[in-house]
Amino acid sequence: MIGKESKEGKVVPINTVIEILEERKKDGDLTYEQQIALEHSQKFAQTKAHTEKMKKALEALDMLNTKSVFKILEIQPRNAMLLKQILMLEKKTFSDEDVQKILAITREKG
């Protein structure tokens, strides 16, 4: 699969990845890549309720596209430098105040 582009561009949270891969595991063995993805997802996943709460809070800010929201949920940045690197996906600049608002959401405990 190296060098091939994905056919579908749907972005999903880690919790959904876990559900999909566990469903596939019931049907048969996972490929090596799928098994690694499942293990990684299980290490970093938070509760579905917490993820949904953070997603709604980030979307309510009305300054991020869907891909950036999911990337922030996936990485859970704890400092401004890492968050700014993620926000480069937006191809626009964010004020320090906006960055702090987003960080406040990602720092909330679930």
C-alpha atoms as a PDB file:
ATOM      1  CA  MET A   1       0.000   0.000   0.000  1.00  0.00           C
ATOM      2  CA  ILE A   2       3.015   2.276   0.101  1.00  0.00           C
ATOM      3  CA  GLY A   3       2.658   5.096  -2.379  1.00  0.00           C
ATOM      4  CA  LYS A   4      -1.057   4.618  -2.966  1.00  0.00           C
ATOM      5  CA  GLU A   5      -3.578   7.297  -2.223  1.00  0.00           C
ATOM      6  CA  SER A   6      -6.680   6.624  -0.197  1.00  0.00           C
ATOM      7  CA  LYS A   7      -9.903   6.381  -2.143  1.00  0.00           C
ATOM      8  CA  GLU A   8     -12.053   7.795   0.597  1.00  0.00           C
ATOM      9  CA  GLY A   9     -11.280  10.962   2.535  1.00  0.00           C
ATOM     10  CA  LYS A  10     -13.477  10.433   5.571  1.00  0.00           C
ATOM     11  CA  VAL A  11     -11.981  11.538   8.875  1.00  0.00           C
ATOM     12  CA  VAL A  12     -13.108   9.695  12.022  1.00  0.00           C
ATOM     13  CA  PRO A  13     -12.162   9.830  15.705  1.00  0.00           C
ATOM     14  CA  ILE A  14      -9.962   7.169  17.269  1.00  0.00           C
ATOM     15  CA  ASN A  15     -12.947   5.622  19.064  1.00  0.00           C
ATOM     16  CA  THR A  16     -14.550   4.884  15.700  1.00  0.00           C
ATOM     17  CA  VAL A  17     -11.299   3.384  14.402  1.00  0.00           C
ATOM     18  CA  ILE A  18     -11.294   0.996  17.358  1.00  0.00           C
ATOM     19  CA  GLU A  19     -14.905  -0.008  16.688  1.00  0.00           C
ATOM     20  CA  ILE A  20     -14.234  -0.632  12.984  1.00  0.00           C
ATOM     21  CA  LEU A  21     -11.078  -2.659  13.590  1.00  0.00           C
ATOM     22  CA  GLU A  22     -12.616  -4.730  16.383  1.00  0.00           C
ATOM     23  CA  GLU A  23     -15.556  -5.494  14.089  1.00  0.00           C
ATOM     24  CA  ARG A  24     -13.135  -6.618  11.362  1.00  0.00           C
ATOM     25  CA  LYS A  25     -11.216  -8.698  13.898  1.00  0.00           C
ATOM     26  CA  LYS A  26     -14.411 -10.659  14.624  1.00  0.00           C
ATOM     27  CA  ASP A  27     -14.686 -11.497  10.919  1.00  0.00           C
ATOM     28  CA  GLY A  28     -11.109 -12.784  10.728  1.00  0.00           C
ATOM     29  CA  ASP A  29      -7.485 -11.935  11.372  1.00  0.00           C
ATOM     30  CA  LEU A  30      -6.389  -8.343  10.933  1.00  0.00           C
ATOM     31  CA  THR A  31      -3.520  -7.465   8.631  1.00  0.00           C
ATOM     32  CA  TYR A  32      -0.290  -6.380  10.290  1.00  0.00           C
ATOM     33  CA  GLU A  33      -1.067  -2.703   9.633  1.00  0.00           C
ATOM     34  CA  GLN A  34      -4.594  -3.037  10.996  1.00  0.00           C
ATOM     35  CA  GLN A  35      -3.330  -4.756  14.157  1.00  0.00           C
ATOM     36  CA  ILE A  36      -0.755  -2.012  14.748  1.00  0.00           C
ATOM     37  CA  ALA A  37      -3.428   0.650  14.154  1.00  0.00           C
ATOM     38  CA  LEU A  38      -5.757  -1.055  16.636  1.00  0.00           C
ATOM     39  CA  GLU A  39      -3.070  -1.289  19.334  1.00  0.00           C
ATOM     40  CA  HIS A  40      -2.066   2.342  18.803  1.00  0.00           C
ATOM     41  CA  SER A  41      -5.674   3.515  18.898  1.00  0.00           C
ATOM     42  CA  GLN A  42      -6.360   1.643  22.108  1.00  0.00           C
ATOM     43  CA  LYS A  43      -3.364   3.275  23.801  1.00  0.00           C
ATOM     44  CA  PHE A  44      -4.467   6.814  23.043  1.00  0.00           C
ATOM     45  CA  ALA A  45      -8.246   6.657  22.921  1.00  0.00           C
ATOM     46  CA  GLN A  46     -10.318   8.487  25.475  1.00  0.00           C
ATOM     47  CA  THR A  47     -13.891   7.796  26.409  1.00  0.00           C
ATOM     48  CA  LYS A  48     -16.369   8.329  23.628  1.00  0.00           C
ATOM     49  CA  ALA A  49     -18.304  10.847  25.744  1.00  0.00           C
ATOM     50  CA  HIS A  50     -15.184  12.922  26.429  1.00  0.00           C
ATOM     51  CA  THR A  51     -14.161  12.864  22.774  1.00  0.00           C
ATOM     52  CA  GLU A  52     -17.637  13.955  21.689  1.00  0.00           C
ATOM     53  CA  LYS A  53     -17.675  16.736  24.296  1.00  0.00           C
ATOM     54  CA  MET A  54     -14.310  18.061  23.091  1.00  0.00           C
ATOM     55  CA  LYS A  55     -15.363  17.781  19.441  1.00  0.00           C
ATOM     56  CA  LYS A  56     -18.472  19.861  20.085  1.00  0.00           C
ATOM     57  CA  ALA A  57     -16.462  22.445  22.032  1.00  0.00           C
ATOM     58  CA  LEU A  58     -13.889  22.767  19.236  1.00  0.00           C
ATOM     59  CA  GLU A  59     -16.590  23.024  16.580  1.00  0.00           C
ATOM     60  CA  ALA A  60     -18.401  25.663  18.664  1.00  0.00           C
ATOM     61  CA  LEU A  61     -15.353  27.919  18.356  1.00  0.00           C
ATOM     62  CA  ASP A  62     -16.249  28.106  14.644  1.00  0.00           C
ATOM     63  CA  MET A  63     -12.665  28.567  13.513  1.00  0.00           C
ATOM     64  CA  LEU A  64     -11.515  25.037  12.600  1.00  0.00           C
ATOM     65  CA  ASN A  65     -12.301  22.703   9.742  1.00  0.00           C
ATOM     66  CA  THR A  66     -13.316  19.094  10.420  1.00  0.00           C
ATOM     67  CA  LYS A  67      -9.903  17.649   9.583  1.00  0.00           C
ATOM     68  CA  SER A  68      -8.187  19.963  12.077  1.00  0.00           C
ATOM     69  CA  VAL A  69     -10.732  19.174  14.790  1.00  0.00           C
ATOM     70  CA  PHE A  70     -10.073  15.447  14.458  1.00  0.00           C
ATOM     71  CA  LYS A  71      -6.307  15.945  14.304  1.00  0.00           C
ATOM     72  CA  ILE A  72      -6.465  17.972  17.545  1.00  0.00           C
ATOM     73  CA  LEU A  73      -8.602  15.259  19.152  1.00  0.00           C
ATOM     74  CA  GLU A  74      -6.132  12.615  18.007  1.00  0.00           C
ATOM     75  CA  ILE A  75      -2.941  14.347  19.139  1.00  0.00           C
ATOM     76  CA  GLN A  76      -4.271  16.147  22.232  1.00  0.00           C
ATOM     77  CA  PRO A  77      -1.666  18.935  22.151  1.00  0.00           C
ATOM     78  CA  ARG A  78      -0.691  20.260  25.573  1.00  0.00           C
ATOM     79  CA  ASN A  79       1.430  23.209  24.443  1.00  0.00           C
ATOM     80  CA  ALA A  80       1.036  26.087  22.018  1.00  0.00           C
ATOM     81  CA  MET A  81       3.926  25.091  19.758  1.00  0.00           C
ATOM     82  CA  LEU A  82       2.470  21.663  18.979  1.00  0.00           C
ATOM     83  CA  LEU A  83      -1.012  23.103  18.509  1.00  0.00           C
ATOM     84  CA  LYS A  84       0.297  25.727  16.080  1.00  0.00           C
ATOM     85  CA  GLN A  85       1.887  22.966  14.010  1.00  0.00           C
ATOM     86  CA  ILE A  86      -1.481  21.232  13.786  1.00  0.00           C
ATOM     87  CA  LEU A  87      -3.210  24.497  12.948  1.00  0.00           C
ATOM     88  CA  MET A  88      -0.925  24.921   9.929  1.00  0.00           C
ATOM     89  CA  LEU A  89      -3.414  22.586   8.195  1.00  0.00           C
ATOM     90  CA  GLU A  90      -5.860  25.493   8.244  1.00  0.00           C
ATOM     91  CA  LYS A  91      -3.596  27.713   6.127  1.00  0.00           C
ATOM     92  CA  LYS A  92      -4.553  30.764   8.165  1.00  0.00           C
ATOM     93  CA  THR A  93      -3.137  32.457  11.214  1.00  0.00           C
ATOM     94  CA  PHE A  94      -4.572  32.216  14.689  1.00  0.00           C
ATOM     95  CA  SER A  95      -4.147  34.771  17.421  1.00  0.00           C
ATOM     96  CA  ASP A  96      -2.529  33.763  20.694  1.00  0.00           C
ATOM     97  CA  GLU A  97      -5.953  34.150  22.290  1.00  0.00           C
ATOM     98  CA  ASP A  98      -7.477  31.640  19.846  1.00  0.00           C
ATOM     99  CA  VAL A  99      -4.642  29.188  20.491  1.00  0.00           C
ATOM    100  CA  GLN A 100      -5.200  29.478  24.250  1.00  0.00           C
ATOM    101  CA  LYS A 101      -8.947  28.834  23.814  1.00  0.00           C
ATOM    102  CA  ILE A 102      -8.219  25.638  21.891  1.00  0.00           C
ATOM    103  CA  LEU A 103      -5.575  24.548  24.413  1.00  0.00           C
ATOM    104  CA  ALA A 104      -8.023  25.057  27.252  1.00  0.00           C
ATOM    105  CA  ILE A 105     -10.372  22.576  25.591  1.00  0.00           C
ATOM    106  CA  THR A 106      -7.647  19.982  24.961  1.00  0.00           C
ATOM    107  CA  ARG A 107      -6.407  20.195  28.532  1.00  0.00           C
ATOM    108  CA  GLU A 108      -9.790  19.354  30.028  1.00  0.00           C
ATOM    109  CA  LYS A 109      -9.847  16.001  31.754  1.00  0.00           C
ATOM    110  CA  GLY A 110     -12.435  13.432  30.767  1.00  0.00           C
END
